[in-house]
Amino acid sequence: MRLQVTQENLAKALNVVGKVASGKTPLPILNNILLKTDNNRLVLAATNLEIAITEYVGGKIEEEGSITVPARLMSEFVSNLPKGNVLLTTDGNKLLVETEHYKSTINGMAADEFPSLPTVTSEQKIILPAALMKRATQQTVLVTSGDDTRPVLTGVYAHSHEGKLYFAATDGYRLAERTLGDAIQELQAIIPNGTLQEVLRIMTDDIDEIEFQFDEAQVRIQLGEIEIVSRLIDGNFPDYRQLIPASSDISATLDKDEFARITKIASLFAKESGGSVTVNVDEMNKKVSINSVASQVGENSSEVEAEVRGGGQVTLNSRYLLEALGCIDEKRVTFSFSGKLSPCILTAATDQVGYKHIVMPLKS
């Protein structure tokens, strides 16, 4: 193999694919990045057997070939080279990397020892605007569970329901659902949290749309010249819609930033109690107040004006409440519930994008 690429393009691609190469594996080859030529392009790929990332980089191919090299060493070395052309040449299982003033040899391994990259051949495809997909992922992936004993809760549930496409996630204590638009076909797939985190890491502003392609066990995600193939989580996602109340007896519509501010202040006094704060909706005075008490520090009560229907109070985890508010993009939010132990629903006041965030109350 002999080819030239720019340092900028090579460093960017190594950073994209190299994060997947695992250092915690009995297979040394998985610590490596695959470099191979393909139709006047350089292909870089890495896998940990759960997820594989491939990126295509334009270059001047003088001789076809392939090799695998240690991901971390290659990535850190190339990122420290000056901008300009980089010449890559293989000599057996060695890769020679040359620029005008630098010349290094990296010991690699034969490409035929690298695992076969997974492919998805199904025709089941979804194409989403990149900005929509990015925000929907951010709004749902943060409530996925970290408990591997319930693997179906460690991913985002991409599915169709009554002609609409949704992302949904829950960890058992909170739930988030985002509408993505009309569903062209039936879909039920649980995408691992880690896979979507990789998508968020890789996405750049110049990507206009993202293509998802599903088969029974895998998802292929195309972002421009970057391709991610990941295993799906096997199992049935819980019927979460039965947890969303059809209506609520108590609701308050108020300024989101002010609601977040009084929640943040209350949380400072709530560390002794695991972050629990009490939200009180006062129909008579048209206000929402948050109270917290810490025997060592003191106590706090803050309030904000609101449009109120009904009255009552509920105790919540302040971090969950703050994260829910951070997922809503409009200036005003509606906070609704029916009693001390009923689920609390947070939406934008007009809910134009179809996003719900449910937080379960704490027993006070």
Protein backbone atom coordinates (compact mmCIF):
# COMPACT_ATOMS: atom_id res chain seq x y z
CA MET A 1 0.00 0.00 0.00
CA ARG A 2 1.23 3.48 -0.86
CA LEU A 3 -0.87 6.64 -0.75
CA GLN A 4 -0.99 10.32 0.20
CA VAL A 5 -3.61 12.02 2.36
CA THR A 6 -3.73 15.34 4.16
CA GLN A 7 -2.80 15.43 7.83
CA GLU A 8 -6.05 17.25 8.66
CA ASN A 9 -8.31 14.62 7.07
CA LEU A 10 -6.31 11.69 8.44
CA ALA A 11 -6.22 13.07 11.99
CA LYS A 12 -9.97 13.74 11.95
CA ALA A 13 -10.78 10.22 10.71
CA LEU A 14 -8.45 8.59 13.22
CA ASN A 15 -10.16 10.52 16.02
CA VAL A 16 -13.59 9.40 14.80
CA VAL A 17 -12.89 5.68 14.47
CA GLY A 18 -10.13 5.29 17.06
CA LYS A 19 -12.38 5.82 20.10
CA VAL A 20 -14.06 2.47 19.39
CA ALA A 21 -10.83 0.46 19.48
CA SER A 22 -11.00 -1.23 22.87
CA GLY A 23 -8.07 -1.54 25.25
CA LYS A 24 -9.99 -4.06 27.39
CA THR A 25 -10.05 -7.10 25.17
CA PRO A 26 -8.30 -10.47 24.95
CA LEU A 27 -8.01 -9.88 21.18
CA PRO A 28 -5.03 -7.57 20.51
CA ILE A 29 -6.28 -6.88 16.97
CA LEU A 30 -9.25 -4.96 18.42
CA ASN A 31 -6.82 -2.35 19.71
CA ASN A 32 -5.94 -1.60 16.09
CA ILE A 33 -7.41 0.50 13.31
CA LEU A 34 -7.81 -1.05 9.88
CA LEU A 35 -6.39 1.00 7.01
CA LYS A 36 -7.19 -0.14 3.49
CA THR A 37 -7.60 1.34 0.04
CA ASP A 38 -10.92 1.29 -1.79
CA ASN A 39 -11.61 3.01 -5.13
CA ASN A 40 -9.14 5.88 -4.73
CA ARG A 41 -10.10 6.38 -1.10
CA LEU A 42 -8.55 5.37 2.19
CA VAL A 43 -10.88 3.43 4.49
CA LEU A 44 -10.33 3.58 8.25
CA ALA A 45 -12.29 1.20 10.47
CA ALA A 46 -12.36 0.03 14.08
CA THR A 47 -14.62 -2.31 16.03
CA ASN A 48 -15.11 -3.70 19.54
CA LEU A 49 -17.47 -6.40 18.19
CA GLU A 50 -20.49 -4.49 19.51
CA ILE A 51 -20.09 -1.44 17.31
CA ALA A 52 -18.01 -0.77 14.19
CA ILE A 53 -17.16 2.67 12.76
CA THR A 54 -15.87 3.27 9.25
CA GLU A 55 -14.82 6.51 7.60
CA TYR A 56 -13.76 7.16 4.01
CA VAL A 57 -11.00 9.69 3.33
CA GLY A 58 -10.05 11.02 -0.09
CA GLY A 59 -6.43 10.54 -1.09
CA LYS A 60 -3.96 9.89 -3.88
CA ILE A 61 -3.66 6.12 -4.12
CA GLU A 62 -0.44 4.93 -5.72
CA GLU A 63 -0.60 1.29 -4.67
CA GLU A 64 -3.48 -0.74 -3.21
CA GLY A 65 -3.12 -2.52 0.11
CA SER A 66 -4.14 -2.80 3.76
CA ILE A 67 -2.77 -3.04 7.29
CA THR A 68 -3.88 -2.61 10.90
CA VAL A 69 -1.99 -0.39 13.35
CA PRO A 70 -2.41 0.48 17.06
CA ALA A 71 -5.24 2.99 17.29
CA ARG A 72 -3.96 5.15 20.13
CA LEU A 73 -0.39 5.46 18.86
CA MET A 74 -1.46 6.20 15.29
CA SER A 75 -4.07 8.75 16.32
CA GLU A 76 -1.83 10.64 18.76
CA PHE A 77 1.13 10.60 16.37
CA VAL A 78 -0.79 11.94 13.36
CA SER A 79 -2.59 14.59 15.44
CA ASN A 80 0.81 16.03 16.40
CA LEU A 81 2.12 16.23 12.84
CA PRO A 82 2.09 19.61 11.08
CA LYS A 83 -0.58 20.29 8.47
CA GLY A 84 0.23 19.11 4.97
CA ASN A 85 0.49 15.88 3.02
CA VAL A 86 1.23 12.56 4.74
CA LEU A 87 2.68 9.61 2.83
CA LEU A 88 1.62 6.16 4.06
CA THR A 89 3.54 3.10 2.84
CA THR A 90 3.38 -0.52 3.99
CA ASP A 91 6.36 -2.82 4.25
CA GLY A 92 5.08 -6.20 5.34
CA ASN A 93 3.42 -5.62 8.70
CA LYS A 94 5.02 -2.20 9.16
CA LEU A 95 3.51 1.16 8.26
CA LEU A 96 5.84 3.96 7.23
CA VAL A 97 4.46 7.42 7.91
CA GLU A 98 6.32 10.29 6.25
CA THR A 99 5.95 14.05 5.96
CA GLU A 100 8.44 16.67 4.85
CA HIS A 101 10.27 16.65 8.18
CA TYR A 102 9.01 13.52 9.96
CA LYS A 103 9.50 9.84 9.29
CA SER A 104 8.26 7.03 11.52
CA THR A 105 7.67 3.29 11.34
CA ILE A 106 4.73 1.78 13.21
CA ASN A 107 4.56 -1.96 13.81
CA GLY A 108 1.18 -3.31 12.77
CA MET A 109 -0.65 -6.56 12.14
CA ALA A 110 -1.94 -8.15 8.96
CA ALA A 111 -5.35 -6.91 7.83
CA ASP A 112 -6.67 -10.44 7.31
CA GLU A 113 -6.57 -10.93 11.10
CA PHE A 114 -9.05 -8.05 11.54
CA PRO A 115 -12.68 -9.10 12.15
CA SER A 116 -15.01 -8.85 9.17
CA LEU A 117 -16.90 -5.58 9.30
CA PRO A 118 -20.65 -6.09 9.78
CA THR A 119 -23.11 -5.19 7.05
CA VAL A 120 -26.83 -4.44 7.03
CA THR A 121 -28.66 -5.36 3.83
CA SER A 122 -32.27 -4.76 4.88
CA GLU A 123 -34.35 -2.21 2.95
CA GLN A 124 -35.86 -0.85 6.17
CA LYS A 125 -34.52 2.72 6.14
CA ILE A 126 -35.27 6.00 7.90
CA ILE A 127 -33.76 9.34 6.88
CA LEU A 128 -33.93 12.17 9.41
CA PRO A 129 -32.73 15.78 9.37
CA ALA A 130 -29.50 15.84 11.36
CA ALA A 131 -30.60 18.65 13.69
CA LEU A 132 -33.85 16.83 14.56
CA MET A 133 -32.10 13.54 15.18
CA LYS A 134 -29.41 15.18 17.32
CA ARG A 135 -31.88 16.97 19.58
CA ALA A 136 -34.19 13.95 19.87
CA THR A 137 -31.23 11.81 20.89
CA GLN A 138 -30.07 14.35 23.48
CA GLN A 139 -33.59 14.54 24.89
CA THR A 140 -33.93 10.78 25.36
CA VAL A 141 -30.50 9.21 25.78
CA LEU A 142 -29.89 10.88 29.16
CA VAL A 143 -32.70 8.87 30.80
CA THR A 144 -31.45 5.48 29.63
CA SER A 145 -30.50 3.13 32.45
CA GLY A 146 -26.97 2.18 33.43
CA ASP A 147 -28.19 -1.10 34.96
CA ASP A 148 -27.06 -3.97 32.75
CA THR A 149 -29.39 -6.38 34.55
CA ARG A 150 -32.23 -4.81 32.55
CA PRO A 151 -30.56 -4.40 29.14
CA VAL A 152 -33.70 -3.20 27.31
CA LEU A 153 -33.62 -0.04 29.44
CA THR A 154 -30.01 0.75 28.49
CA GLY A 155 -30.99 1.92 25.01
CA VAL A 156 -33.34 4.25 23.16
CA TYR A 157 -36.48 2.67 21.75
CA ALA A 158 -36.95 3.75 18.12
CA HIS A 159 -40.44 2.74 17.09
CA SER A 160 -43.58 3.53 15.16
CA HIS A 161 -46.98 4.01 16.78
CA GLU A 162 -50.23 5.02 15.11
CA GLY A 163 -48.42 6.36 12.05
CA LYS A 164 -45.79 8.36 13.93
CA LEU A 165 -42.10 7.69 14.59
CA TYR A 166 -40.76 8.05 18.15
CA PHE A 167 -37.64 7.89 20.27
CA ALA A 168 -38.34 6.86 23.88
CA ALA A 169 -36.23 5.90 26.88
CA THR A 170 -36.67 5.19 30.59
CA ASP A 171 -34.59 4.13 33.57
CA GLY A 172 -37.61 3.28 35.71
CA TYR A 173 -37.52 6.62 37.55
CA ARG A 174 -38.11 8.92 34.59
CA LEU A 175 -39.24 8.65 31.00
CA ALA A 176 -38.69 10.71 27.86
CA GLU A 177 -40.53 10.51 24.55
CA ARG A 178 -39.89 12.57 21.41
CA THR A 179 -41.92 12.53 18.19
CA LEU A 180 -39.79 12.42 15.04
CA GLY A 181 -42.53 12.80 12.43
CA ASP A 182 -44.54 10.45 10.26
CA ALA A 183 -43.55 6.79 10.14
CA ILE A 184 -43.07 5.46 6.62
CA GLN A 185 -42.96 1.86 7.84
CA GLU A 186 -43.35 -0.20 11.00
CA LEU A 187 -40.34 -0.14 13.29
CA GLN A 188 -39.34 -1.56 16.69
CA ALA A 189 -35.67 -1.37 17.60
CA ILE A 190 -33.68 -0.62 20.77
CA ILE A 191 -30.47 1.26 19.94
CA PRO A 192 -27.75 1.02 22.62
CA ASN A 193 -26.96 4.15 24.59
CA GLY A 194 -23.27 3.88 23.65
CA THR A 195 -24.05 3.80 19.95
CA LEU A 196 -26.09 6.99 20.10
CA GLN A 197 -23.43 8.65 22.24
CA GLU A 198 -20.96 7.88 19.45
CA VAL A 199 -23.34 9.46 16.94
CA LEU A 200 -23.54 12.61 19.05
CA ARG A 201 -19.75 12.68 19.36
CA ILE A 202 -19.19 12.32 15.64
CA MET A 203 -21.90 14.64 14.32
CA THR A 204 -20.68 17.91 12.80
CA ASP A 205 -22.60 20.94 11.58
CA ASP A 206 -21.94 20.12 7.91
CA ILE A 207 -24.03 16.90 8.11
CA ASP A 208 -27.55 17.64 6.84
CA GLU A 209 -29.25 14.28 7.27
CA ILE A 210 -28.72 10.92 8.93
CA GLU A 211 -29.78 7.58 7.48
CA PHE A 212 -30.77 4.64 9.66
CA GLN A 213 -30.99 1.15 8.18
CA PHE A 214 -32.28 -1.70 10.33
CA ASP A 215 -32.34 -5.47 10.19
CA GLU A 216 -33.42 -7.85 12.95
CA ALA A 217 -30.20 -7.60 14.93
CA GLN A 218 -28.28 -4.53 13.74
CA VAL A 219 -28.58 -0.87 12.82
CA ARG A 220 -26.44 0.95 10.26
CA ILE A 221 -26.17 4.72 10.75
CA GLN A 222 -24.76 6.82 7.91
CA LEU A 223 -23.42 10.31 8.65
CA GLY A 224 -21.86 11.67 5.48
CA GLU A 225 -18.65 9.68 4.90
CA ILE A 226 -18.93 7.96 8.28
CA GLU A 227 -20.75 4.67 8.81
CA ILE A 228 -21.62 3.15 12.18
CA VAL A 229 -22.92 -0.42 12.44
CA SER A 230 -24.11 -1.54 15.86
CA ARG A 231 -25.88 -4.45 17.41
CA LEU A 232 -29.40 -3.74 18.60
CA ILE A 233 -30.47 -4.66 22.12
CA ASP A 234 -32.47 -7.88 22.10
CA GLY A 235 -35.74 -7.87 24.02
CA ASN A 236 -39.09 -6.15 24.31
CA PHE A 237 -39.24 -2.55 25.50
CA PRO A 238 -41.88 -2.04 28.22
CA ASP A 239 -45.28 -0.63 27.25
CA TYR A 240 -44.35 2.77 28.62
CA ARG A 241 -47.41 4.62 27.33
CA GLN A 242 -49.54 3.18 30.10
CA LEU A 243 -47.32 5.13 32.53
CA ILE A 244 -48.17 8.49 30.93
CA PRO A 245 -51.32 9.96 32.52
CA ALA A 246 -54.02 10.93 30.03
CA SER A 247 -54.81 13.99 32.14
CA SER A 248 -53.65 15.74 35.30
CA ASP A 249 -55.56 17.50 38.09
CA ILE A 250 -52.82 20.05 38.79
CA SER A 251 -50.77 22.05 36.31
CA ALA A 252 -48.56 25.13 36.29
CA THR A 253 -47.20 26.99 33.26
CA LEU A 254 -44.21 29.15 34.04
CA ASP A 255 -40.90 30.55 32.81
CA LYS A 256 -38.48 27.67 32.26
CA ASP A 257 -35.33 29.54 33.29
CA GLU A 258 -36.92 30.77 36.53
CA PHE A 259 -38.17 27.27 37.32
CA ALA A 260 -34.66 25.94 36.75
CA ARG A 261 -33.17 28.71 38.88
CA ILE A 262 -35.30 28.01 41.96
CA THR A 263 -34.73 24.26 41.51
CA LYS A 264 -30.96 24.77 41.36
CA ILE A 265 -31.00 26.95 44.48
CA ALA A 266 -33.14 24.43 46.35
CA SER A 267 -30.81 21.61 45.34
CA LEU A 268 -27.92 23.31 47.16
CA PHE A 269 -29.79 22.71 50.43
CA ALA A 270 -30.93 19.21 49.47
CA LYS A 271 -27.64 17.30 49.33
CA GLU A 272 -28.23 15.64 52.71
CA SER A 273 -31.57 14.30 51.51
CA GLY A 274 -30.25 12.84 48.27
CA GLY A 275 -31.28 15.89 46.29
CA SER A 276 -34.99 15.68 47.11
CA VAL A 277 -36.98 18.91 46.93
CA THR A 278 -40.69 19.60 47.39
CA VAL A 279 -42.54 21.43 44.63
CA ASN A 280 -45.70 23.19 45.75
CA VAL A 281 -48.28 24.49 43.26
CA ASP A 282 -50.41 27.21 44.86
CA GLU A 283 -53.63 27.92 42.95
CA MET A 284 -54.76 30.78 45.20
CA ASN A 285 -51.54 32.81 44.91
CA LYS A 286 -50.74 31.64 41.35
CA LYS A 287 -47.23 30.58 42.29
CA VAL A 288 -44.91 27.59 42.23
CA SER A 289 -42.53 27.25 45.18
CA ILE A 290 -39.74 24.80 45.92
CA ASN A 291 -38.64 23.92 49.44
CA SER A 292 -35.64 22.03 50.75
CA VAL A 293 -34.29 21.42 54.24
CA ALA A 294 -30.84 20.32 55.36
CA SER A 295 -30.28 20.01 59.09
CA GLN A 296 -26.58 20.83 58.81
CA VAL A 297 -26.89 23.72 56.35
CA GLY A 298 -30.28 25.31 56.81
CA GLU A 299 -33.42 25.53 54.72
CA ASN A 300 -34.58 27.23 51.57
CA SER A 301 -37.83 28.28 49.94
CA SER A 302 -38.05 29.98 46.55
CA GLU A 303 -41.07 30.83 44.42
CA VAL A 304 -42.00 31.99 40.94
CA GLU A 305 -45.23 33.26 39.42
CA ALA A 306 -47.18 30.84 37.23
CA GLU A 307 -50.46 30.16 35.47
CA VAL A 308 -51.96 27.58 37.80
CA ARG A 309 -54.83 25.09 37.67
CA GLY A 310 -55.42 23.12 40.86
CA GLY A 311 -53.08 22.92 43.82
CA GLY A 312 -50.86 20.40 45.55
CA GLN A 313 -47.31 19.35 46.21
CA VAL A 314 -44.92 16.61 45.18
CA THR A 315 -41.36 15.62 46.17
CA LEU A 316 -38.85 15.06 43.36
CA ASN A 317 -35.19 14.41 42.75
CA SER A 318 -33.81 17.89 41.96
CA ARG A 319 -31.26 16.59 39.43
CA TYR A 320 -33.95 14.77 37.49
CA LEU A 321 -36.08 17.94 37.48
CA LEU A 322 -33.18 20.12 36.28
CA GLU A 323 -32.24 17.65 33.53
CA ALA A 324 -35.86 17.52 32.37
CA LEU A 325 -36.01 21.31 32.15
CA GLY A 326 -32.76 21.29 30.19
CA CYS A 327 -34.39 19.06 27.57
CA ILE A 328 -37.18 21.54 26.82
CA ASP A 329 -36.35 24.17 24.22
CA GLU A 330 -39.17 26.70 24.66
CA LYS A 331 -39.12 29.59 27.15
CA ARG A 332 -42.20 28.43 29.05
CA VAL A 333 -42.93 24.97 30.39
CA THR A 334 -45.98 23.21 31.75
CA PHE A 335 -45.53 21.09 34.87
CA SER A 336 -48.46 18.84 35.72
CA PHE A 337 -49.36 16.02 38.12
CA SER A 338 -52.35 14.67 40.04
CA GLY A 339 -51.06 13.96 43.53
CA LYS A 340 -48.07 13.23 45.74
CA LEU A 341 -47.37 9.83 44.17
CA SER A 342 -48.48 10.48 40.59
CA PRO A 343 -46.07 10.89 37.68
CA CYS A 344 -45.04 14.49 36.95
CA ILE A 345 -45.15 15.54 33.29
CA LEU A 346 -43.01 18.31 31.86
CA THR A 347 -43.61 19.66 28.36
CA ALA A 348 -43.07 22.90 26.50
CA ALA A 349 -46.04 25.22 27.06
CA THR A 350 -47.11 24.88 23.42
CA ASP A 351 -45.45 21.45 22.86
CA GLN A 352 -44.93 22.07 19.15
CA VAL A 353 -42.27 19.36 18.81
CA GLY A 354 -44.04 16.55 20.67
CA TYR A 355 -41.71 16.04 23.63
CA LYS A 356 -42.74 14.67 27.03
CA HIS A 357 -40.52 14.15 30.05
CA ILE A 358 -41.97 12.25 33.00
CA VAL A 359 -40.35 12.19 36.45
CA MET A 360 -41.62 9.81 39.14
CA PRO A 361 -42.09 11.36 42.61
CA LEU A 362 -40.21 10.37 45.74
CA LYS A 363 -42.05 9.17 48.81
CA SER A 364 -41.82 12.08 51.23
